[in-house]
Amino acid sequence: MEKMIEIAHFQQVEEAELLVGLLKSEGIDSYVRNEVSSRVLPNIIVARVELLESDVPRALEIMNDCGFAQFAEEDNAETAGEPSGLARYIPVLRHFSFEKQLVILLVLTGGFLAILVYLVSYLSSKTI
């Protein structure tokens, strides 16, 4: 199975979609990773354009010809599935996508707050 490679990232989803459309018009399948989360949290989460590793050379050539040259020089492209940010330090989370990591952390935080509220209400009822 071939790896997916990130070839570009953008703060605005629309820019990533423009590149995906350009690549698709040239016969290269690609997609925008983090599309929804980057719309919800712009300037925090970037939209990443990813495609099959075998399509990278042709895609970089097309990008260079169309003015996306600044990304063609990125040699350390992140593969889909590699941990990013602080998630690489949390072994349980590193195998999930960013969206799933976010949901897991929100559920854990909500559970912790629910337990905290319960304990505070329990202790306050005992002292009165």
N, C-alpha and C. Protein backbone atom coordinates (compact mmCIF):
# COMPACT_ATOMS: atom_id res chain seq x y z
N MET A 1 0.85 -1.18 0.00
CA MET A 1 0.00 0.00 0.00
C MET A 1 0.89 1.24 0.00
N GLU A 2 0.57 2.16 -0.86
CA GLU A 2 1.38 3.36 -1.02
C GLU A 2 1.07 4.40 0.06
N LYS A 3 2.09 5.14 0.46
CA LYS A 3 1.92 6.17 1.49
C LYS A 3 1.32 7.43 0.90
N MET A 4 0.58 8.14 1.76
CA MET A 4 0.08 9.47 1.40
C MET A 4 1.11 10.48 1.90
N ILE A 5 1.43 11.46 1.08
CA ILE A 5 2.44 12.45 1.39
C ILE A 5 1.81 13.84 1.34
N GLU A 6 2.15 14.65 2.34
CA GLU A 6 1.72 16.05 2.34
C GLU A 6 2.66 16.83 1.44
N ILE A 7 2.09 17.55 0.48
CA ILE A 7 2.94 18.35 -0.40
C ILE A 7 2.78 19.84 -0.17
N ALA A 8 1.72 20.23 0.54
CA ALA A 8 1.51 21.65 0.82
C ALA A 8 0.55 21.80 1.99
N HIS A 9 0.62 22.94 2.65
CA HIS A 9 -0.35 23.27 3.68
C HIS A 9 -0.67 24.75 3.61
N PHE A 10 -1.91 25.07 3.99
CA PHE A 10 -2.42 26.43 3.86
C PHE A 10 -3.21 26.81 5.10
N GLN A 11 -3.20 28.08 5.44
CA GLN A 11 -4.03 28.58 6.54
C GLN A 11 -5.50 28.61 6.12
N GLN A 12 -5.75 28.87 4.85
CA GLN A 12 -7.11 28.96 4.34
C GLN A 12 -7.45 27.70 3.53
N VAL A 13 -8.59 27.09 3.84
CA VAL A 13 -9.02 25.87 3.16
C VAL A 13 -9.22 26.12 1.67
N GLU A 14 -9.68 27.29 1.33
CA GLU A 14 -9.96 27.60 -0.07
C GLU A 14 -8.69 27.50 -0.92
N GLU A 15 -7.54 27.91 -0.38
CA GLU A 15 -6.28 27.81 -1.11
C GLU A 15 -5.92 26.34 -1.35
N ALA A 16 -6.13 25.52 -0.34
CA ALA A 16 -5.85 24.10 -0.48
C ALA A 16 -6.78 23.48 -1.51
N GLU A 17 -8.05 23.87 -1.49
CA GLU A 17 -9.00 23.34 -2.47
C GLU A 17 -8.65 23.77 -3.88
N LEU A 18 -8.09 24.97 -4.02
CA LEU A 18 -7.64 25.44 -5.33
C LEU A 18 -6.53 24.54 -5.87
N LEU A 19 -5.58 24.21 -5.02
CA LEU A 19 -4.49 23.32 -5.44
C LEU A 19 -5.01 21.93 -5.76
N VAL A 20 -5.92 21.40 -4.94
CA VAL A 20 -6.50 20.08 -5.21
C VAL A 20 -7.22 20.08 -6.56
N GLY A 21 -7.96 21.14 -6.84
CA GLY A 21 -8.65 21.24 -8.13
C GLY A 21 -7.67 21.29 -9.29
N LEU A 22 -6.58 22.03 -9.12
CA LEU A 22 -5.56 22.10 -10.15
C LEU A 22 -4.94 20.72 -10.40
N LEU A 23 -4.61 20.02 -9.32
CA LEU A 23 -4.01 18.69 -9.47
C LEU A 23 -4.98 17.71 -10.10
N LYS A 24 -6.26 17.77 -9.71
CA LYS A 24 -7.26 16.87 -10.29
C LYS A 24 -7.45 17.15 -11.78
N SER A 25 -7.35 18.42 -12.18
CA SER A 25 -7.48 18.75 -13.60
C SER A 25 -6.32 18.19 -14.41
N GLU A 26 -5.20 17.91 -13.74
CA GLU A 26 -4.04 17.31 -14.40
C GLU A 26 -4.01 15.79 -14.22
N GLY A 27 -5.08 15.21 -13.64
CA GLY A 27 -5.18 13.77 -13.50
C GLY A 27 -4.54 13.20 -12.25
N ILE A 28 -4.26 14.04 -11.27
CA ILE A 28 -3.64 13.58 -10.03
C ILE A 28 -4.67 13.66 -8.91
N ASP A 29 -4.96 12.51 -8.31
CA ASP A 29 -5.91 12.47 -7.20
C ASP A 29 -5.22 12.99 -5.94
N SER A 30 -5.88 13.91 -5.26
CA SER A 30 -5.37 14.45 -4.00
C SER A 30 -6.57 14.85 -3.16
N TYR A 31 -6.31 15.18 -1.91
CA TYR A 31 -7.39 15.61 -1.04
C TYR A 31 -6.87 16.59 0.01
N VAL A 32 -7.82 17.26 0.67
CA VAL A 32 -7.48 18.22 1.73
C VAL A 32 -7.68 17.53 3.06
N ARG A 33 -6.61 17.38 3.80
CA ARG A 33 -6.67 16.82 5.15
C ARG A 33 -6.93 17.96 6.13
N ASN A 34 -7.69 17.70 7.16
CA ASN A 34 -8.08 18.69 8.18
C ASN A 34 -9.00 19.77 7.60
N GLU A 35 -9.76 19.41 6.58
CA GLU A 35 -10.61 20.41 5.93
C GLU A 35 -11.64 21.00 6.90
N VAL A 36 -12.36 20.16 7.61
CA VAL A 36 -13.40 20.66 8.51
C VAL A 36 -12.80 21.39 9.70
N SER A 37 -11.81 20.77 10.34
CA SER A 37 -11.23 21.39 11.54
C SER A 37 -10.52 22.70 11.21
N SER A 38 -9.95 22.83 10.02
CA SER A 38 -9.30 24.09 9.67
C SER A 38 -10.33 25.17 9.33
N ARG A 39 -11.55 24.77 8.97
CA ARG A 39 -12.62 25.76 8.80
C ARG A 39 -13.13 26.24 10.17
N VAL A 40 -13.19 25.31 11.12
CA VAL A 40 -13.70 25.64 12.46
C VAL A 40 -12.67 26.44 13.24
N LEU A 41 -11.40 26.08 13.11
CA LEU A 41 -10.32 26.74 13.85
C LEU A 41 -9.29 27.31 12.89
N PRO A 42 -9.68 28.32 12.09
CA PRO A 42 -8.71 28.89 11.14
C PRO A 42 -7.56 29.54 11.90
N ASN A 43 -6.43 29.61 11.27
CA ASN A 43 -5.20 30.17 11.85
C ASN A 43 -4.64 29.33 12.98
N ILE A 44 -5.28 28.22 13.33
CA ILE A 44 -4.75 27.30 14.34
C ILE A 44 -4.42 25.97 13.68
N ILE A 45 -5.37 25.47 12.90
CA ILE A 45 -5.19 24.19 12.20
C ILE A 45 -5.05 24.48 10.72
N VAL A 46 -4.03 23.93 10.12
CA VAL A 46 -3.80 24.18 8.70
C VAL A 46 -4.45 23.09 7.85
N ALA A 47 -4.85 23.48 6.66
CA ALA A 47 -5.39 22.53 5.68
C ALA A 47 -4.21 21.96 4.91
N ARG A 48 -4.12 20.63 4.87
CA ARG A 48 -2.97 19.97 4.25
C ARG A 48 -3.41 19.26 2.97
N VAL A 49 -2.65 19.44 1.91
CA VAL A 49 -2.92 18.76 0.65
C VAL A 49 -2.04 17.52 0.60
N GLU A 50 -2.69 16.36 0.43
CA GLU A 50 -1.98 15.09 0.41
C GLU A 50 -2.33 14.30 -0.83
N LEU A 51 -1.36 13.50 -1.27
CA LEU A 51 -1.56 12.63 -2.42
C LEU A 51 -0.64 11.43 -2.32
N LEU A 52 -0.80 10.48 -3.25
CA LEU A 52 0.02 9.27 -3.24
C LEU A 52 1.48 9.62 -3.52
N GLU A 53 2.36 8.89 -2.89
CA GLU A 53 3.80 9.14 -3.00
C GLU A 53 4.27 9.08 -4.45
N SER A 54 3.70 8.20 -5.25
CA SER A 54 4.12 8.08 -6.65
C SER A 54 3.75 9.30 -7.49
N ASP A 55 2.78 10.08 -7.04
CA ASP A 55 2.34 11.27 -7.78
C ASP A 55 3.10 12.53 -7.37
N VAL A 56 3.93 12.46 -6.36
CA VAL A 56 4.60 13.66 -5.83
C VAL A 56 5.46 14.37 -6.86
N PRO A 57 6.34 13.69 -7.60
CA PRO A 57 7.20 14.43 -8.55
C PRO A 57 6.39 15.23 -9.57
N ARG A 58 5.38 14.61 -10.15
CA ARG A 58 4.55 15.31 -11.15
C ARG A 58 3.77 16.45 -10.49
N ALA A 59 3.26 16.23 -9.29
CA ALA A 59 2.50 17.28 -8.59
C ALA A 59 3.40 18.47 -8.27
N LEU A 60 4.63 18.21 -7.84
CA LEU A 60 5.55 19.31 -7.53
C LEU A 60 5.91 20.10 -8.79
N GLU A 61 6.00 19.39 -9.90
CA GLU A 61 6.27 20.06 -11.17
C GLU A 61 5.11 20.98 -11.55
N ILE A 62 3.89 20.49 -11.41
CA ILE A 62 2.69 21.29 -11.71
C ILE A 62 2.61 22.48 -10.77
N MET A 63 2.87 22.25 -9.49
CA MET A 63 2.84 23.34 -8.51
C MET A 63 3.86 24.41 -8.86
N ASN A 64 5.05 24.01 -9.25
CA ASN A 64 6.10 24.95 -9.61
C ASN A 64 5.70 25.77 -10.83
N ASP A 65 5.11 25.11 -11.82
CA ASP A 65 4.68 25.79 -13.04
C ASP A 65 3.55 26.79 -12.78
N CYS A 66 2.75 26.54 -11.74
CA CYS A 66 1.57 27.37 -11.48
C CYS A 66 1.75 28.33 -10.31
N GLY A 67 2.96 28.48 -9.81
CA GLY A 67 3.19 29.48 -8.77
C GLY A 67 3.12 28.99 -7.34
N PHE A 68 3.13 27.70 -7.15
CA PHE A 68 3.14 27.15 -5.79
C PHE A 68 4.56 26.68 -5.44
N ALA A 69 5.56 27.33 -5.99
CA ALA A 69 6.95 26.86 -5.87
C ALA A 69 7.47 26.82 -4.45
N GLN A 70 6.95 27.66 -3.57
CA GLN A 70 7.46 27.69 -2.20
C GLN A 70 7.29 26.36 -1.50
N PHE A 71 6.35 25.53 -1.89
CA PHE A 71 6.14 24.24 -1.25
C PHE A 71 6.96 23.14 -1.90
N ALA A 72 7.42 23.35 -3.11
CA ALA A 72 8.16 22.32 -3.81
C ALA A 72 9.50 22.04 -3.14
N GLU A 73 9.99 22.93 -2.32
CA GLU A 73 11.29 22.76 -1.69
C GLU A 73 11.20 22.13 -0.32
N GLU A 74 10.01 21.76 0.14
CA GLU A 74 9.86 21.13 1.44
C GLU A 74 10.24 19.66 1.35
N ASP A 75 11.38 19.31 1.90
CA ASP A 75 11.85 17.93 1.84
C ASP A 75 11.30 17.09 2.98
N ASN A 76 10.84 17.74 4.03
CA ASN A 76 10.39 17.00 5.20
C ASN A 76 8.87 16.91 5.24
N ALA A 77 8.27 16.52 4.14
CA ALA A 77 6.81 16.41 4.09
C ALA A 77 6.34 15.35 5.08
N GLU A 78 5.27 15.68 5.79
CA GLU A 78 4.72 14.77 6.80
C GLU A 78 3.80 13.77 6.13
N THR A 79 3.95 12.53 6.48
CA THR A 79 3.05 11.53 5.92
C THR A 79 1.79 11.46 6.77
N ALA A 80 0.69 11.11 6.13
CA ALA A 80 -0.55 10.96 6.87
C ALA A 80 -0.38 9.81 7.85
N GLY A 81 -0.77 10.02 9.07
CA GLY A 81 -0.64 8.98 10.07
C GLY A 81 0.52 9.18 11.01
N GLU A 82 1.46 10.05 10.65
CA GLU A 82 2.54 10.36 11.59
C GLU A 82 1.99 11.29 12.65
N PRO A 83 2.41 11.13 13.89
CA PRO A 83 1.91 12.02 14.93
C PRO A 83 2.43 13.44 14.73
N SER A 84 1.63 14.40 15.10
CA SER A 84 2.05 15.78 14.98
C SER A 84 1.81 16.50 16.30
N GLY A 85 2.58 17.53 16.53
CA GLY A 85 2.42 18.34 17.73
C GLY A 85 2.67 17.55 19.00
N LEU A 86 1.93 17.87 20.03
CA LEU A 86 2.09 17.23 21.33
C LEU A 86 1.61 15.79 21.36
N ALA A 87 0.82 15.38 20.37
CA ALA A 87 0.27 14.02 20.36
C ALA A 87 1.37 12.97 20.27
N ARG A 88 2.53 13.33 19.73
CA ARG A 88 3.60 12.32 19.63
C ARG A 88 4.14 11.94 21.00
N TYR A 89 3.85 12.74 22.03
CA TYR A 89 4.32 12.44 23.38
C TYR A 89 3.28 11.67 24.21
N ILE A 90 2.08 11.50 23.67
CA ILE A 90 1.03 10.75 24.35
C ILE A 90 0.81 9.47 23.55
N PRO A 91 1.36 8.36 24.02
CA PRO A 91 1.33 7.12 23.22
C PRO A 91 -0.05 6.69 22.76
N VAL A 92 -1.07 6.86 23.58
CA VAL A 92 -2.41 6.41 23.22
C VAL A 92 -2.97 7.24 22.06
N LEU A 93 -2.65 8.52 22.01
CA LEU A 93 -3.23 9.41 21.00
C LEU A 93 -2.48 9.43 19.68
N ARG A 94 -1.24 9.00 19.65
CA ARG A 94 -0.44 9.19 18.45
C ARG A 94 -0.93 8.39 17.26
N HIS A 95 -1.80 7.40 17.47
CA HIS A 95 -2.28 6.59 16.36
C HIS A 95 -3.59 7.11 15.76
N PHE A 96 -4.11 8.21 16.30
CA PHE A 96 -5.38 8.77 15.82
C PHE A 96 -5.13 10.04 15.03
N SER A 97 -6.08 10.37 14.15
CA SER A 97 -6.01 11.63 13.42
C SER A 97 -6.24 12.79 14.39
N PHE A 98 -5.92 13.98 13.93
CA PHE A 98 -6.07 15.14 14.81
C PHE A 98 -7.50 15.30 15.31
N GLU A 99 -8.47 15.09 14.43
CA GLU A 99 -9.86 15.26 14.82
C GLU A 99 -10.24 14.29 15.94
N LYS A 100 -9.80 13.03 15.82
CA LYS A 100 -10.09 12.04 16.85
C LYS A 100 -9.36 12.38 18.15
N GLN A 101 -8.13 12.87 18.04
CA GLN A 101 -7.38 13.28 19.23
C GLN A 101 -8.14 14.38 19.96
N LEU A 102 -8.67 15.34 19.20
CA LEU A 102 -9.42 16.45 19.79
C LEU A 102 -10.67 15.95 20.51
N VAL A 103 -11.41 15.04 19.88
CA VAL A 103 -12.62 14.50 20.49
C VAL A 103 -12.28 13.73 21.77
N ILE A 104 -11.24 12.91 21.71
CA ILE A 104 -10.84 12.14 22.89
C ILE A 104 -10.47 13.07 24.04
N LEU A 105 -9.70 14.10 23.76
CA LEU A 105 -9.31 15.03 24.81
C LEU A 105 -10.51 15.80 25.37
N LEU A 106 -11.46 16.15 24.51
CA LEU A 106 -12.66 16.84 24.98
C LEU A 106 -13.52 15.93 25.86
N VAL A 107 -13.65 14.67 25.49
CA VAL A 107 -14.42 13.72 26.30
C VAL A 107 -13.75 13.51 27.65
N LEU A 108 -12.44 13.34 27.66
CA LEU A 108 -11.71 13.17 28.92
C LEU A 108 -11.83 14.40 29.80
N THR A 109 -11.73 15.57 29.21
CA THR A 109 -11.87 16.80 29.98
C THR A 109 -13.28 16.93 30.54
N GLY A 110 -14.29 16.60 29.74
CA GLY A 110 -15.68 16.64 30.22
C GLY A 110 -15.91 15.66 31.35
N GLY A 111 -15.36 14.46 31.22
CA GLY A 111 -15.48 13.48 32.30
C GLY A 111 -14.81 13.94 33.58
N PHE A 112 -13.64 14.52 33.45
CA PHE A 112 -12.94 15.05 34.62
C PHE A 112 -13.75 16.17 35.28
N LEU A 113 -14.31 17.06 34.50
CA LEU A 113 -15.12 18.14 35.06
C LEU A 113 -16.39 17.61 35.72
N ALA A 114 -17.00 16.60 35.13
CA ALA A 114 -18.20 16.00 35.74
C ALA A 114 -17.87 15.38 37.08
N ILE A 115 -16.76 14.66 37.17
CA ILE A 115 -16.34 14.08 38.45
C ILE A 115 -16.04 15.16 39.46
N LEU A 116 -15.38 16.22 39.02
CA LEU A 116 -15.05 17.33 39.91
C LEU A 116 -16.31 18.00 40.46
N VAL A 117 -17.29 18.25 39.61
CA VAL A 117 -18.56 18.85 40.05
C VAL A 117 -19.27 17.93 41.03
N TYR A 118 -19.28 16.63 40.73
CA TYR A 118 -19.91 15.67 41.63
C TYR A 118 -19.23 15.69 43.01
N LEU A 119 -17.92 15.66 43.02
CA LEU A 119 -17.19 15.66 44.30
C LEU A 119 -17.42 16.94 45.10
N VAL A 120 -17.43 18.07 44.42
CA VAL A 120 -17.66 19.34 45.11
C VAL A 120 -19.07 19.38 45.68
N SER A 121 -20.06 18.93 44.91
CA SER A 121 -21.43 18.94 45.43
C SER A 121 -21.61 17.93 46.56
N TYR A 122 -20.94 16.79 46.46
CA TYR A 122 -21.01 15.78 47.50
C TYR A 122 -20.38 16.30 48.80
N LEU A 123 -19.21 16.89 48.67
CA LEU A 123 -18.53 17.42 49.86
C LEU A 123 -19.27 18.59 50.47
N SER A 124 -19.88 19.44 49.65
CA SER A 124 -20.61 20.58 50.20
C SER A 124 -21.89 20.12 50.89
N SER A 125 -22.52 19.03 50.43
CA SER A 125 -23.72 18.53 51.08
C SER A 125 -23.38 17.86 52.42
N LYS A 126 -22.21 17.35 52.59
CA LYS A 126 -21.79 16.70 53.83
C LYS A 126 -21.44 17.72 54.92
N THR A 127 -20.99 18.88 54.53
CA THR A 127 -20.58 19.88 55.51
C THR A 127 -21.75 20.70 56.03
N ILE A 128 -22.87 20.70 55.37
CA ILE A 128 -24.01 21.52 55.79
C ILE A 128 -24.89 20.77 56.72
